[in-house]
């Protein structure tokens, strides 16, 4: 009898619809790098009009500075972790 009660309690009620929640879109550093490349290639191919170049250049410069900062942080983190790994004594010593 307890199994019947559990089944009734966990079964969805009639008329209710459950919809999965959509995940928020994520923008990654790789996406930003791709965007920088797209802007660079587009400008080389003459895709932008003259008056647009100032705004596009400003956005490109900000994006480039941000990505260089990310790269510098990753490099610093890698260097900080590297000495800790090399200081450990090798097996057999």
N, C-alpha and C. Protein backbone atom coordinates (compact mmCIF):
# COMPACT_ATOMS: atom_id res chain seq x y z
N UNK A 1 0.82 -1.18 0.00
CA UNK A 1 0.00 0.00 0.00
C UNK A 1 0.87 1.25 0.00
N UNK A 2 2.01 1.21 0.68
CA UNK A 2 2.88 2.38 0.71
C UNK A 2 3.45 2.66 -0.68
N UNK A 3 3.67 1.64 -1.50
CA UNK A 3 4.16 1.85 -2.84
C UNK A 3 3.14 2.60 -3.68
N UNK A 4 1.87 2.29 -3.51
CA UNK A 4 0.83 2.99 -4.25
C UNK A 4 0.79 4.46 -3.85
N UNK A 5 0.96 4.72 -2.57
CA UNK A 5 0.94 6.09 -2.08
C UNK A 5 2.11 6.88 -2.66
N UNK A 6 3.30 6.29 -2.69
CA UNK A 6 4.47 6.96 -3.24
C UNK A 6 4.27 7.26 -4.72
N UNK A 7 3.71 6.30 -5.45
CA UNK A 7 3.49 6.49 -6.88
C UNK A 7 2.52 7.64 -7.11
N UNK A 8 1.49 7.71 -6.32
CA UNK A 8 0.51 8.77 -6.48
C UNK A 8 1.11 10.13 -6.11
N UNK A 9 1.98 10.17 -5.10
CA UNK A 9 2.57 11.43 -4.66
C UNK A 9 3.58 11.97 -5.66
N UNK A 10 4.34 11.09 -6.30
CA UNK A 10 5.39 11.55 -7.21
C UNK A 10 4.89 11.72 -8.64
N UNK A 11 3.75 11.18 -8.98
CA UNK A 11 3.22 11.32 -10.33
C UNK A 11 2.78 12.76 -10.54
N UNK A 12 3.07 13.32 -11.74
CA UNK A 12 2.65 14.70 -11.99
C UNK A 12 1.14 14.79 -12.02
N UNK A 13 0.65 15.88 -11.52
CA UNK A 13 -0.79 16.07 -11.49
C UNK A 13 -1.30 16.34 -12.89
N UNK A 14 -2.51 15.96 -13.12
CA UNK A 14 -3.11 16.11 -14.43
C UNK A 14 -3.25 17.60 -14.75
N UNK A 15 -2.86 17.98 -15.96
CA UNK A 15 -3.00 19.36 -16.37
C UNK A 15 -1.75 20.20 -16.15
N UNK A 16 -0.78 19.72 -15.40
CA UNK A 16 0.45 20.48 -15.20
C UNK A 16 1.46 20.11 -16.26
N UNK A 17 2.13 21.09 -16.75
CA UNK A 17 3.14 20.88 -17.77
C UNK A 17 4.47 21.34 -17.20
N UNK A 18 5.46 20.49 -17.29
CA UNK A 18 6.79 20.87 -16.82
C UNK A 18 7.64 21.16 -18.04
N UNK A 19 8.28 22.30 -18.04
CA UNK A 19 9.17 22.66 -19.13
C UNK A 19 10.57 22.81 -18.59
N UNK A 20 11.55 22.28 -19.29
CA UNK A 20 12.93 22.42 -18.81
C UNK A 20 13.36 23.89 -18.92
N UNK A 21 14.13 24.32 -17.94
CA UNK A 21 14.63 25.69 -17.93
C UNK A 21 15.80 25.80 -18.91
N UNK A 22 15.74 26.79 -19.75
CA UNK A 22 16.82 27.01 -20.71
C UNK A 22 18.03 27.58 -19.98
N UNK A 23 19.20 27.13 -20.38
CA UNK A 23 20.42 27.64 -19.78
C UNK A 23 20.72 29.01 -20.38
N UNK A 24 21.26 29.87 -19.57
CA UNK A 24 21.63 31.20 -20.05
C UNK A 24 22.78 31.06 -21.04
N UNK A 25 22.76 31.82 -22.12
CA UNK A 25 23.86 31.72 -23.08
C UNK A 25 25.17 32.14 -22.44
N UNK A 26 26.21 31.44 -22.76
CA UNK A 26 27.52 31.73 -22.17
C UNK A 26 28.44 32.28 -23.26
N UNK A 27 29.20 33.27 -22.91
CA UNK A 27 30.18 33.85 -23.80
C UNK A 27 31.55 33.54 -23.21
N UNK A 28 32.35 32.80 -23.95
CA UNK A 28 33.64 32.37 -23.44
C UNK A 28 34.77 33.23 -24.00
N UNK A 29 35.94 33.07 -23.43
CA UNK A 29 37.13 33.77 -23.91
C UNK A 29 37.42 33.34 -25.34
N UNK A 30 37.19 32.08 -25.65
CA UNK A 30 37.40 31.59 -27.02
C UNK A 30 36.46 32.32 -28.00
N UNK A 31 35.23 32.57 -27.57
CA UNK A 31 34.29 33.31 -28.41
C UNK A 31 34.80 34.73 -28.66
N UNK A 32 35.35 35.35 -27.63
CA UNK A 32 35.89 36.70 -27.77
C UNK A 32 37.10 36.72 -28.69
N UNK A 33 37.93 35.70 -28.61
CA UNK A 33 39.08 35.61 -29.53
C UNK A 33 38.60 35.47 -30.98
N UNK A 34 37.56 34.66 -31.18
CA UNK A 34 37.00 34.50 -32.52
C UNK A 34 36.42 35.83 -33.02
N UNK A 35 35.78 36.56 -32.15
CA UNK A 35 35.22 37.86 -32.51
C UNK A 35 36.32 38.83 -32.93
N UNK A 36 37.42 38.83 -32.20
CA UNK A 36 38.56 39.68 -32.56
C UNK A 36 39.07 39.32 -33.95
N UNK A 37 39.16 38.03 -34.24
CA UNK A 37 39.62 37.58 -35.55
C UNK A 37 38.65 37.99 -36.65
N UNK A 38 37.36 37.88 -36.38
CA UNK A 38 36.33 38.26 -37.35
C UNK A 38 36.44 39.75 -37.68
N UNK A 39 36.61 40.58 -36.66
CA UNK A 39 36.74 42.02 -36.88
C UNK A 39 37.99 42.31 -37.71
N UNK A 40 39.08 41.66 -37.39
CA UNK A 40 40.34 41.88 -38.09
C UNK A 40 40.21 41.49 -39.56
N UNK A 41 39.69 40.32 -39.82
CA UNK A 41 39.53 39.84 -41.20
C UNK A 41 38.57 40.73 -41.98
N UNK A 42 37.47 41.11 -41.34
CA UNK A 42 36.48 41.95 -42.01
C UNK A 42 37.06 43.31 -42.39
N UNK A 43 37.87 43.88 -41.51
CA UNK A 43 38.46 45.18 -41.83
C UNK A 43 39.49 45.05 -42.95
N UNK A 44 40.24 43.96 -42.98
CA UNK A 44 41.22 43.74 -44.04
C UNK A 44 40.54 43.58 -45.40
N UNK A 45 39.34 43.03 -45.39
CA UNK A 45 38.61 42.80 -46.65
C UNK A 45 37.74 43.99 -47.05
N UNK A 46 37.78 45.06 -46.28
CA UNK A 46 37.04 46.26 -46.63
C UNK A 46 35.54 46.15 -46.39
N UNK A 47 35.14 45.41 -45.38
CA UNK A 47 33.72 45.21 -45.09
C UNK A 47 33.07 46.41 -44.41
N UNK A 48 33.85 47.32 -43.89
CA UNK A 48 33.31 48.44 -43.13
C UNK A 48 33.46 49.74 -43.93
N UNK A 49 32.51 50.65 -43.74
CA UNK A 49 32.57 51.97 -44.36
C UNK A 49 33.47 52.86 -43.50
N UNK A 50 34.02 53.88 -44.11
CA UNK A 50 34.93 54.79 -43.43
C UNK A 50 34.43 55.32 -42.09
N UNK A 51 33.20 55.87 -42.04
CA UNK A 51 32.71 56.41 -40.76
C UNK A 51 32.56 55.36 -39.67
N UNK A 52 32.45 54.11 -40.03
CA UNK A 52 32.29 53.03 -39.04
C UNK A 52 33.61 52.61 -38.42
N UNK A 53 34.70 52.92 -39.09
CA UNK A 53 36.00 52.42 -38.66
C UNK A 53 36.42 52.90 -37.28
N UNK A 54 36.05 54.12 -36.92
CA UNK A 54 36.42 54.64 -35.59
C UNK A 54 35.80 53.81 -34.49
N UNK A 55 34.50 53.55 -34.60
CA UNK A 55 33.80 52.76 -33.58
C UNK A 55 34.32 51.33 -33.56
N UNK A 56 34.50 50.77 -34.72
CA UNK A 56 34.98 49.38 -34.81
C UNK A 56 36.39 49.28 -34.25
N UNK A 57 37.22 50.27 -34.54
CA UNK A 57 38.58 50.27 -34.01
C UNK A 57 38.60 50.37 -32.50
N UNK A 58 37.72 51.20 -31.94
CA UNK A 58 37.64 51.34 -30.48
C UNK A 58 37.23 50.03 -29.83
N UNK A 59 36.22 49.38 -30.39
CA UNK A 59 35.76 48.09 -29.85
C UNK A 59 36.86 47.05 -29.98
N UNK A 60 37.53 47.04 -31.13
CA UNK A 60 38.62 46.08 -31.34
C UNK A 60 39.73 46.29 -30.33
N UNK A 61 40.11 47.55 -30.10
CA UNK A 61 41.19 47.84 -29.15
C UNK A 61 40.82 47.41 -27.73
N UNK A 62 39.58 47.65 -27.32
CA UNK A 62 39.13 47.24 -25.99
C UNK A 62 39.13 45.72 -25.86
N UNK A 63 38.63 45.07 -26.89
CA UNK A 63 38.59 43.60 -26.89
C UNK A 63 40.00 43.03 -26.86
N UNK A 64 40.88 43.60 -27.66
CA UNK A 64 42.26 43.13 -27.72
C UNK A 64 42.97 43.32 -26.38
N UNK A 65 42.76 44.48 -25.74
CA UNK A 65 43.38 44.73 -24.43
C UNK A 65 42.85 43.75 -23.39
N UNK A 66 41.55 43.48 -23.42
CA UNK A 66 40.96 42.53 -22.47
C UNK A 66 41.58 41.14 -22.66
N UNK A 67 41.66 40.69 -23.91
CA UNK A 67 42.20 39.35 -24.17
C UNK A 67 43.68 39.25 -23.82
N UNK A 68 44.43 40.31 -24.04
CA UNK A 68 45.84 40.31 -23.64
C UNK A 68 45.97 40.23 -22.13
N UNK A 69 45.06 40.89 -21.40
CA UNK A 69 45.04 40.80 -19.94
C UNK A 69 44.73 39.39 -19.47
N UNK A 70 43.78 38.74 -20.14
CA UNK A 70 43.43 37.35 -19.81
C UNK A 70 44.63 36.45 -20.05
N UNK A 71 45.30 36.65 -21.20
CA UNK A 71 46.49 35.84 -21.51
C UNK A 71 47.59 36.05 -20.47
N UNK A 72 47.78 37.30 -20.03
CA UNK A 72 48.82 37.59 -19.03
C UNK A 72 48.50 36.92 -17.70
N UNK A 73 47.22 36.94 -17.30
CA UNK A 73 46.83 36.28 -16.05
C UNK A 73 47.04 34.77 -16.14
N UNK A 74 46.69 34.19 -17.28
CA UNK A 74 46.88 32.75 -17.45
C UNK A 74 48.36 32.40 -17.42
N UNK A 75 49.19 33.23 -18.04
CA UNK A 75 50.64 32.97 -18.05
C UNK A 75 51.22 33.09 -16.64
N UNK A 76 50.77 34.09 -15.89
CA UNK A 76 51.24 34.26 -14.52
C UNK A 76 50.81 33.10 -13.64
N UNK A 77 49.59 32.64 -13.85
CA UNK A 77 49.09 31.50 -13.07
C UNK A 77 49.87 30.23 -13.40
N UNK A 78 50.17 30.04 -14.67
CA UNK A 78 50.95 28.87 -15.10
C UNK A 78 52.35 28.91 -14.50
N UNK A 79 52.96 30.09 -14.49
CA UNK A 79 54.31 30.22 -13.92
C UNK A 79 54.29 30.01 -12.41
N UNK A 80 53.23 30.44 -11.75
CA UNK A 80 53.13 30.27 -10.31
C UNK A 80 52.96 28.80 -9.95
N UNK A 81 52.27 28.06 -10.78
CA UNK A 81 52.06 26.63 -10.52
C UNK A 81 53.28 25.80 -10.91
N UNK A 82 54.04 26.22 -11.90
CA UNK A 82 55.18 25.45 -12.39
C UNK A 82 56.27 25.24 -11.34
N UNK A 83 56.72 26.27 -10.61
CA UNK A 83 57.77 26.03 -9.61
C UNK A 83 57.32 25.07 -8.51
N UNK A 84 56.09 25.10 -8.14
CA UNK A 84 55.59 24.20 -7.11
C UNK A 84 55.69 22.74 -7.57
N UNK A 85 55.49 22.52 -8.84
CA UNK A 85 55.57 21.15 -9.37
C UNK A 85 57.01 20.70 -9.51
N UNK A 86 57.93 21.61 -9.84
CA UNK A 86 59.33 21.22 -10.02
C UNK A 86 60.07 21.09 -8.70
N UNK A 87 59.60 21.69 -7.63
CA UNK A 87 60.27 21.62 -6.35
C UNK A 87 60.06 20.28 -5.64
N UNK A 88 59.04 19.54 -6.04
CA UNK A 88 58.77 18.25 -5.40
C UNK A 88 59.92 17.30 -5.71
N UNK A 89 60.40 16.56 -4.71
CA UNK A 89 61.50 15.63 -4.97
C UNK A 89 61.05 14.49 -5.88
N UNK A 90 61.95 14.07 -6.76
CA UNK A 90 61.65 12.97 -7.67
C UNK A 90 61.66 11.67 -6.88
N UNK A 91 60.99 10.68 -7.42
CA UNK A 91 60.94 9.39 -6.75
C UNK A 91 62.34 8.78 -6.69
N UNK A 92 62.66 8.15 -5.61
CA UNK A 92 63.95 7.49 -5.46
C UNK A 92 65.02 8.37 -4.87
N UNK A 93 64.71 9.64 -4.60
CA UNK A 93 65.73 10.52 -4.03
C UNK A 93 65.65 10.51 -2.53
